[in-house]
Amino acid sequence: MAKPALTDAIQDYLREIYKLGVEGARVSVTALAKRQGVAPASASAMVKKLAALGLAVHQPYRGVTLTAAGERVALEVIRHHRLLELYLAETLGLAVDDVHDEAERLEHVTSEELEQRIDKALGFPTHDPHEWPSGGRRTSSLKA
């Protein structure tokens, strides 16, 4: 049986939990709602859905963390986004300030094959145009 496709909203929530949960910290539903620009009740409903899918663990009043499966999805979305930003900036000549919104629209529909082709075409980059590692969190040696 094939696993169900994850919606853009699910992927966006996983990405934001990952970003907010630097170094394994639990993420509050309130902080997540603020980051997503939604009401806390909406964020809470999504967190329950993520937990039901086995992508996150939520303990009321203690926050949310991603499971290994949730973290894999979050990192894949981040990887797609950062490769797309670099491709748009370096290959298509979009201004660095303009690539984020375009990459945001494309990150959910990029296939693994296209990701691999972009990665190869760019020479297997390690950082996006904003100096973030192309596959994960910013390191301390990079500028803020």
N, C-alpha and C. Protein backbone atom coordinates (compact mmCIF):
# COMPACT_ATOMS: atom_id res chain seq x y z
N MET A 1 0.84 -1.18 0.00
CA MET A 1 0.00 0.00 0.00
C MET A 1 0.88 1.24 0.00
N ALA A 2 0.65 2.17 -0.88
CA ALA A 2 1.46 3.39 -0.99
C ALA A 2 1.11 4.33 0.15
N LYS A 3 2.15 5.03 0.65
CA LYS A 3 1.88 5.98 1.72
C LYS A 3 1.24 7.23 1.11
N PRO A 4 0.36 7.89 1.86
CA PRO A 4 -0.32 9.06 1.33
C PRO A 4 0.66 10.22 1.14
N ALA A 5 0.40 11.03 0.12
CA ALA A 5 1.22 12.21 -0.12
C ALA A 5 0.95 13.22 0.99
N LEU A 6 1.98 13.89 1.42
CA LEU A 6 1.83 14.89 2.46
C LEU A 6 1.47 16.23 1.81
N THR A 7 0.50 16.90 2.36
CA THR A 7 0.06 18.18 1.80
C THR A 7 1.16 19.24 1.98
N ASP A 8 1.03 20.31 1.21
CA ASP A 8 1.96 21.43 1.35
C ASP A 8 1.92 21.97 2.78
N ALA A 9 0.72 22.06 3.35
CA ALA A 9 0.58 22.58 4.71
C ALA A 9 1.32 21.70 5.71
N ILE A 10 1.20 20.39 5.59
CA ILE A 10 1.92 19.48 6.48
C ILE A 10 3.42 19.70 6.34
N GLN A 11 3.89 19.78 5.10
CA GLN A 11 5.32 19.99 4.87
C GLN A 11 5.78 21.32 5.46
N ASP A 12 4.98 22.37 5.31
CA ASP A 12 5.33 23.68 5.85
C ASP A 12 5.42 23.64 7.37
N TYR A 13 4.47 22.99 8.01
CA TYR A 13 4.51 22.88 9.47
C TYR A 13 5.73 22.10 9.93
N LEU A 14 6.04 21.00 9.26
CA LEU A 14 7.22 20.22 9.64
C LEU A 14 8.49 21.06 9.50
N ARG A 15 8.58 21.81 8.41
CA ARG A 15 9.75 22.68 8.19
C ARG A 15 9.87 23.71 9.32
N GLU A 16 8.76 24.31 9.70
CA GLU A 16 8.82 25.35 10.73
C GLU A 16 9.10 24.77 12.11
N ILE A 17 8.57 23.60 12.42
CA ILE A 17 8.91 22.94 13.69
C ILE A 17 10.40 22.66 13.72
N TYR A 18 10.92 22.18 12.60
CA TYR A 18 12.35 21.90 12.52
C TYR A 18 13.17 23.17 12.77
N LYS A 19 12.81 24.25 12.09
CA LYS A 19 13.55 25.50 12.22
C LYS A 19 13.45 26.08 13.63
N LEU A 20 12.26 26.00 14.22
CA LEU A 20 12.08 26.52 15.58
C LEU A 20 12.74 25.64 16.63
N GLY A 21 12.87 24.37 16.34
CA GLY A 21 13.39 23.42 17.31
C GLY A 21 14.89 23.22 17.24
N VAL A 22 15.62 24.30 17.10
CA VAL A 22 17.08 24.23 17.00
C VAL A 22 17.64 23.42 18.16
N GLU A 23 18.53 22.50 17.84
CA GLU A 23 19.22 21.65 18.82
C GLU A 23 18.25 20.84 19.68
N GLY A 24 17.18 20.37 19.08
CA GLY A 24 16.29 19.44 19.76
C GLY A 24 15.33 20.06 20.75
N ALA A 25 15.25 21.38 20.81
CA ALA A 25 14.33 22.03 21.74
C ALA A 25 12.89 21.77 21.33
N ARG A 26 12.03 21.67 22.33
CA ARG A 26 10.61 21.53 22.05
C ARG A 26 10.06 22.87 21.58
N VAL A 27 9.10 22.81 20.69
CA VAL A 27 8.51 24.00 20.09
C VAL A 27 7.11 24.19 20.65
N SER A 28 6.81 25.38 21.12
CA SER A 28 5.46 25.62 21.64
C SER A 28 4.49 25.79 20.47
N VAL A 29 3.26 25.39 20.71
CA VAL A 29 2.22 25.53 19.70
C VAL A 29 2.00 27.02 19.42
N THR A 30 2.12 27.85 20.44
CA THR A 30 1.95 29.30 20.26
C THR A 30 3.01 29.86 19.32
N ALA A 31 4.27 29.46 19.52
CA ALA A 31 5.36 29.93 18.65
C ALA A 31 5.14 29.43 17.22
N LEU A 32 4.69 28.20 17.09
CA LEU A 32 4.43 27.63 15.77
C LEU A 32 3.29 28.39 15.07
N ALA A 33 2.24 28.68 15.81
CA ALA A 33 1.11 29.43 15.24
C ALA A 33 1.56 30.80 14.77
N LYS A 34 2.38 31.45 15.57
CA LYS A 34 2.88 32.78 15.21
C LYS A 34 3.71 32.71 13.94
N ARG A 35 4.60 31.73 13.84
CA ARG A 35 5.46 31.58 12.67
C ARG A 35 4.65 31.28 11.42
N GLN A 36 3.58 30.50 11.56
CA GLN A 36 2.75 30.13 10.43
C GLN A 36 1.68 31.19 10.11
N GLY A 37 1.51 32.14 11.01
CA GLY A 37 0.52 33.19 10.79
C GLY A 37 -0.91 32.69 10.91
N VAL A 38 -1.12 31.76 11.85
CA VAL A 38 -2.46 31.19 12.05
C VAL A 38 -2.83 31.29 13.53
N ALA A 39 -4.09 31.02 13.82
CA ALA A 39 -4.56 31.01 15.21
C ALA A 39 -3.96 29.80 15.93
N PRO A 40 -3.71 29.92 17.24
CA PRO A 40 -3.20 28.78 18.00
C PRO A 40 -4.06 27.52 17.85
N ALA A 41 -5.37 27.68 17.74
CA ALA A 41 -6.25 26.51 17.58
C ALA A 41 -5.96 25.78 16.26
N SER A 42 -5.66 26.54 15.21
CA SER A 42 -5.33 25.92 13.91
C SER A 42 -4.01 25.17 14.01
N ALA A 43 -3.03 25.78 14.65
CA ALA A 43 -1.74 25.13 14.81
C ALA A 43 -1.88 23.87 15.67
N SER A 44 -2.69 23.96 16.71
CA SER A 44 -2.92 22.81 17.58
C SER A 44 -3.55 21.65 16.82
N ALA A 45 -4.51 21.96 15.96
CA ALA A 45 -5.16 20.92 15.15
C ALA A 45 -4.14 20.26 14.22
N MET A 46 -3.27 21.06 13.61
CA MET A 46 -2.26 20.49 12.72
C MET A 46 -1.26 19.65 13.51
N VAL A 47 -0.88 20.09 14.68
CA VAL A 47 0.06 19.32 15.51
C VAL A 47 -0.55 17.95 15.84
N LYS A 48 -1.84 17.92 16.14
CA LYS A 48 -2.51 16.64 16.41
C LYS A 48 -2.47 15.75 15.17
N LYS A 49 -2.67 16.35 14.00
CA LYS A 49 -2.61 15.59 12.75
C LYS A 49 -1.20 15.04 12.52
N LEU A 50 -0.19 15.87 12.75
CA LEU A 50 1.19 15.43 12.58
C LEU A 50 1.51 14.28 13.53
N ALA A 51 1.03 14.37 14.75
CA ALA A 51 1.24 13.29 15.72
C ALA A 51 0.54 12.01 15.26
N ALA A 52 -0.68 12.14 14.75
CA ALA A 52 -1.42 10.96 14.27
C ALA A 52 -0.71 10.30 13.09
N LEU A 53 0.00 11.11 12.29
CA LEU A 53 0.75 10.58 11.14
C LEU A 53 2.13 10.04 11.55
N GLY A 54 2.48 10.18 12.81
CA GLY A 54 3.78 9.70 13.28
C GLY A 54 4.93 10.61 12.88
N LEU A 55 4.63 11.87 12.60
CA LEU A 55 5.65 12.82 12.16
C LEU A 55 6.12 13.75 13.27
N ALA A 56 5.35 13.81 14.36
CA ALA A 56 5.69 14.68 15.49
C ALA A 56 5.18 14.05 16.77
N VAL A 57 5.75 14.52 17.87
CA VAL A 57 5.30 14.12 19.20
C VAL A 57 4.90 15.40 19.92
N HIS A 58 3.71 15.39 20.49
CA HIS A 58 3.23 16.57 21.20
C HIS A 58 2.84 16.19 22.61
N GLN A 59 3.39 16.93 23.56
CA GLN A 59 2.99 16.79 24.95
C GLN A 59 2.39 18.13 25.37
N PRO A 60 1.10 18.15 25.70
CA PRO A 60 0.47 19.42 26.07
C PRO A 60 1.29 20.18 27.12
N TYR A 61 1.43 21.46 26.89
CA TYR A 61 2.18 22.38 27.75
C TYR A 61 3.69 22.10 27.78
N ARG A 62 4.14 21.16 26.98
CA ARG A 62 5.57 20.86 26.93
C ARG A 62 6.12 21.00 25.53
N GLY A 63 5.26 21.18 24.54
CA GLY A 63 5.70 21.45 23.19
C GLY A 63 5.69 20.28 22.23
N VAL A 64 6.25 20.55 21.04
CA VAL A 64 6.24 19.61 19.93
C VAL A 64 7.68 19.32 19.52
N THR A 65 7.96 18.08 19.19
CA THR A 65 9.23 17.71 18.57
C THR A 65 8.91 16.82 17.37
N LEU A 66 9.82 16.78 16.44
CA LEU A 66 9.65 15.93 15.27
C LEU A 66 10.15 14.53 15.55
N THR A 67 9.49 13.55 14.96
CA THR A 67 10.02 12.20 14.98
C THR A 67 11.10 12.13 13.90
N ALA A 68 11.80 11.02 13.83
CA ALA A 68 12.82 10.85 12.78
C ALA A 68 12.18 10.99 11.40
N ALA A 69 10.98 10.44 11.22
CA ALA A 69 10.28 10.55 9.93
C ALA A 69 9.91 12.00 9.64
N GLY A 70 9.44 12.73 10.63
CA GLY A 70 9.09 14.13 10.45
C GLY A 70 10.30 14.97 10.12
N GLU A 71 11.42 14.68 10.76
CA GLU A 71 12.64 15.42 10.48
C GLU A 71 13.13 15.15 9.06
N ARG A 72 13.01 13.92 8.58
CA ARG A 72 13.40 13.60 7.20
C ARG A 72 12.60 14.42 6.20
N VAL A 73 11.29 14.52 6.42
CA VAL A 73 10.44 15.31 5.52
C VAL A 73 10.84 16.78 5.59
N ALA A 74 11.03 17.31 6.79
CA ALA A 74 11.41 18.71 6.95
C ALA A 74 12.72 19.02 6.24
N LEU A 75 13.71 18.16 6.40
CA LEU A 75 15.00 18.38 5.76
C LEU A 75 14.91 18.30 4.24
N GLU A 76 14.04 17.44 3.75
CA GLU A 76 13.85 17.33 2.30
C GLU A 76 13.22 18.60 1.74
N VAL A 77 12.24 19.14 2.44
CA VAL A 77 11.60 20.39 2.00
C VAL A 77 12.62 21.53 2.03
N ILE A 78 13.41 21.59 3.09
CA ILE A 78 14.45 22.62 3.20
C ILE A 78 15.46 22.46 2.08
N ARG A 79 15.86 21.24 1.80
CA ARG A 79 16.83 20.98 0.72
C ARG A 79 16.28 21.44 -0.62
N HIS A 80 15.04 21.08 -0.93
CA HIS A 80 14.41 21.53 -2.18
C HIS A 80 14.42 23.05 -2.26
N HIS A 81 13.99 23.69 -1.19
CA HIS A 81 13.89 25.14 -1.17
C HIS A 81 15.25 25.78 -1.44
N ARG A 82 16.25 25.32 -0.76
CA ARG A 82 17.58 25.95 -0.88
C ARG A 82 18.22 25.69 -2.24
N LEU A 83 18.03 24.50 -2.78
CA LEU A 83 18.54 24.24 -4.13
C LEU A 83 17.82 25.11 -5.16
N LEU A 84 16.52 25.23 -4.99
CA LEU A 84 15.75 26.07 -5.91
C LEU A 84 16.19 27.53 -5.83
N GLU A 85 16.42 28.03 -4.62
CA GLU A 85 16.90 29.40 -4.48
C GLU A 85 18.22 29.59 -5.22
N LEU A 86 19.12 28.67 -5.04
CA LEU A 86 20.43 28.78 -5.68
C LEU A 86 20.29 28.70 -7.20
N TYR A 87 19.48 27.78 -7.68
CA TYR A 87 19.27 27.63 -9.12
C TYR A 87 18.66 28.91 -9.71
N LEU A 88 17.66 29.44 -9.04
CA LEU A 88 17.01 30.65 -9.52
C LEU A 88 17.98 31.84 -9.55
N ALA A 89 18.84 31.93 -8.55
CA ALA A 89 19.78 33.04 -8.47
C ALA A 89 20.93 32.87 -9.45
N GLU A 90 21.56 31.69 -9.45
CA GLU A 90 22.77 31.51 -10.24
C GLU A 90 22.50 31.19 -11.71
N THR A 91 21.50 30.40 -11.98
CA THR A 91 21.25 29.98 -13.35
C THR A 91 20.29 30.90 -14.08
N LEU A 92 19.25 31.33 -13.40
CA LEU A 92 18.25 32.16 -14.06
C LEU A 92 18.45 33.65 -13.79
N GLY A 93 19.37 33.99 -12.92
CA GLY A 93 19.71 35.39 -12.69
C GLY A 93 18.74 36.20 -11.87
N LEU A 94 17.85 35.54 -11.11
CA LEU A 94 16.96 36.29 -10.23
C LEU A 94 17.78 36.90 -9.10
N ALA A 95 17.36 38.06 -8.62
CA ALA A 95 18.03 38.71 -7.50
C ALA A 95 17.86 37.84 -6.26
N VAL A 96 18.90 37.79 -5.44
CA VAL A 96 18.86 36.97 -4.23
C VAL A 96 17.66 37.33 -3.36
N ASP A 97 17.30 38.60 -3.32
CA ASP A 97 16.15 39.03 -2.52
C ASP A 97 14.82 38.53 -3.06
N ASP A 98 14.80 38.09 -4.32
CA ASP A 98 13.55 37.65 -4.95
C ASP A 98 13.36 36.14 -5.02
N VAL A 99 14.40 35.38 -4.70
CA VAL A 99 14.32 33.93 -4.92
C VAL A 99 13.49 33.19 -3.88
N HIS A 100 13.38 33.73 -2.68
CA HIS A 100 12.69 33.00 -1.61
C HIS A 100 11.24 32.69 -1.97
N ASP A 101 10.50 33.71 -2.40
CA ASP A 101 9.08 33.49 -2.70
C ASP A 101 8.87 32.51 -3.84
N GLU A 102 9.73 32.60 -4.87
CA GLU A 102 9.63 31.64 -5.98
C GLU A 102 9.93 30.23 -5.50
N ALA A 103 10.98 30.08 -4.71
CA ALA A 103 11.35 28.75 -4.20
C ALA A 103 10.25 28.20 -3.30
N GLU A 104 9.61 29.08 -2.55
CA GLU A 104 8.52 28.68 -1.65
C GLU A 104 7.39 28.03 -2.46
N ARG A 105 7.10 28.59 -3.62
CA ARG A 105 6.03 28.04 -4.46
C ARG A 105 6.44 26.70 -5.11
N LEU A 106 7.70 26.56 -5.43
CA LEU A 106 8.17 25.38 -6.17
C LEU A 106 8.62 24.21 -5.30
N GLU A 107 8.96 24.46 -4.05
CA GLU A 107 9.57 23.43 -3.21
C GLU A 107 8.71 22.18 -3.04
N HIS A 108 7.41 22.34 -3.06
CA HIS A 108 6.52 21.22 -2.81
C HIS A 108 6.27 20.36 -4.05
N VAL A 109 6.57 20.89 -5.22
CA VAL A 109 6.28 20.16 -6.44
C VAL A 109 7.54 19.67 -7.15
N THR A 110 8.69 19.85 -6.51
CA THR A 110 9.95 19.42 -7.11
C THR A 110 10.14 17.92 -6.86
N SER A 111 10.32 17.17 -7.93
CA SER A 111 10.53 15.73 -7.80
C SER A 111 11.96 15.46 -7.35
N GLU A 112 12.18 14.26 -6.88
CA GLU A 112 13.53 13.87 -6.48
C GLU A 112 14.47 13.87 -7.68
N GLU A 113 13.95 13.48 -8.84
CA GLU A 113 14.77 13.48 -10.06
C GLU A 113 15.20 14.90 -10.42
N LEU A 114 14.26 15.84 -10.37
CA LEU A 114 14.61 17.22 -10.68
C LEU A 114 15.59 17.77 -9.64
N GLU A 115 15.37 17.45 -8.37
CA GLU A 115 16.30 17.89 -7.32
C GLU A 115 17.72 17.40 -7.64
N GLN A 116 17.84 16.14 -8.01
CA GLN A 116 19.16 15.59 -8.33
C GLN A 116 19.78 16.28 -9.54
N ARG A 117 18.98 16.58 -10.54
CA ARG A 117 19.50 17.26 -11.74
C ARG A 117 19.95 18.69 -11.42
N ILE A 118 19.17 19.39 -10.62
CA ILE A 118 19.55 20.75 -10.22
C ILE A 118 20.83 20.69 -9.39
N ASP A 119 20.89 19.76 -8.47
CA ASP A 119 22.07 19.59 -7.62
C ASP A 119 23.32 19.37 -8.49
N LYS A 120 23.20 18.48 -9.46
CA LYS A 120 24.33 18.19 -10.36
C LYS A 120 24.69 19.40 -11.21
N ALA A 121 23.67 20.07 -11.77
CA ALA A 121 23.90 21.23 -12.63
C ALA A 121 24.61 22.35 -11.87
N LEU A 122 24.36 22.44 -10.57
CA LEU A 122 24.98 23.48 -9.75
C LEU A 122 26.32 23.05 -9.17
N GLY A 123 26.75 21.83 -9.50
CA GLY A 123 28.04 21.36 -8.99
C GLY A 123 27.97 20.89 -7.55
N PHE A 124 26.82 20.37 -7.12
CA PHE A 124 26.62 19.84 -5.77
C PHE A 124 26.97 20.88 -4.71
N PRO A 125 26.22 21.98 -4.69
CA PRO A 125 26.53 23.09 -3.79
C PRO A 125 26.35 22.72 -2.32
N THR A 126 27.08 23.41 -1.48
CA THR A 126 26.95 23.20 -0.04
C THR A 126 26.17 24.32 0.64
N HIS A 127 25.98 25.46 -0.06
CA HIS A 127 25.26 26.59 0.53
C HIS A 127 24.33 27.24 -0.48
N ASP A 128 23.25 27.81 0.03
CA ASP A 128 22.31 28.52 -0.83
C ASP A 128 22.78 29.97 -1.00
N PRO A 129 22.07 30.79 -1.77
CA PRO A 129 22.54 32.17 -2.01
C PRO A 129 22.55 33.06 -0.76
N HIS A 130 21.91 32.60 0.32
CA HIS A 130 21.89 33.37 1.56
C HIS A 130 22.98 32.90 2.52
N GLU A 131 23.84 32.00 2.05
CA GLU A 131 24.93 31.43 2.84
C GLU A 131 24.48 30.41 3.88
N TRP A 132 23.31 29.82 3.67
CA TRP A 132 22.85 28.73 4.52
C TRP A 132 23.31 27.42 3.90
N PRO A 133 23.66 26.44 4.72
CA PRO A 133 23.95 25.13 4.15
C PRO A 133 22.75 24.66 3.35
N SER A 134 22.98 24.08 2.19
CA SER A 134 21.87 23.73 1.31
C SER A 134 21.04 22.57 1.81
N GLY A 135 21.50 21.85 2.80
CA GLY A 135 20.71 20.71 3.27
C GLY A 135 20.38 20.73 4.74
N GLY A 136 20.64 21.81 5.44
CA GLY A 136 20.34 21.79 6.88
C GLY A 136 20.45 23.15 7.52
N ARG A 137 20.77 23.13 8.82
CA ARG A 137 20.83 24.36 9.60
C ARG A 137 22.08 25.15 9.29
N ARG A 138 22.00 26.43 9.56
CA ARG A 138 23.14 27.34 9.43
C ARG A 138 24.20 26.93 10.45
N THR A 139 25.44 26.96 10.06
CA THR A 139 26.52 26.64 10.99
C THR A 139 27.07 27.91 11.59
N SER A 140 27.77 27.78 12.72
CA SER A 140 28.27 28.94 13.42
C SER A 140 29.33 29.69 12.63
N SER A 141 29.99 29.04 11.68
CA SER A 141 31.04 29.69 10.93
C SER A 141 30.50 30.59 9.81
N LEU A 142 29.22 30.52 9.53
CA LEU A 142 28.61 31.35 8.49
C LEU A 142 28.09 32.64 9.10
N LYS A 143 28.04 33.67 8.27
CA LYS A 143 27.53 34.94 8.78
C LYS A 143 26.05 34.88 9.04
N ALA A 144 25.60 35.67 9.98
CA ALA A 144 24.19 35.65 10.39
C ALA A 144 23.30 36.33 9.39
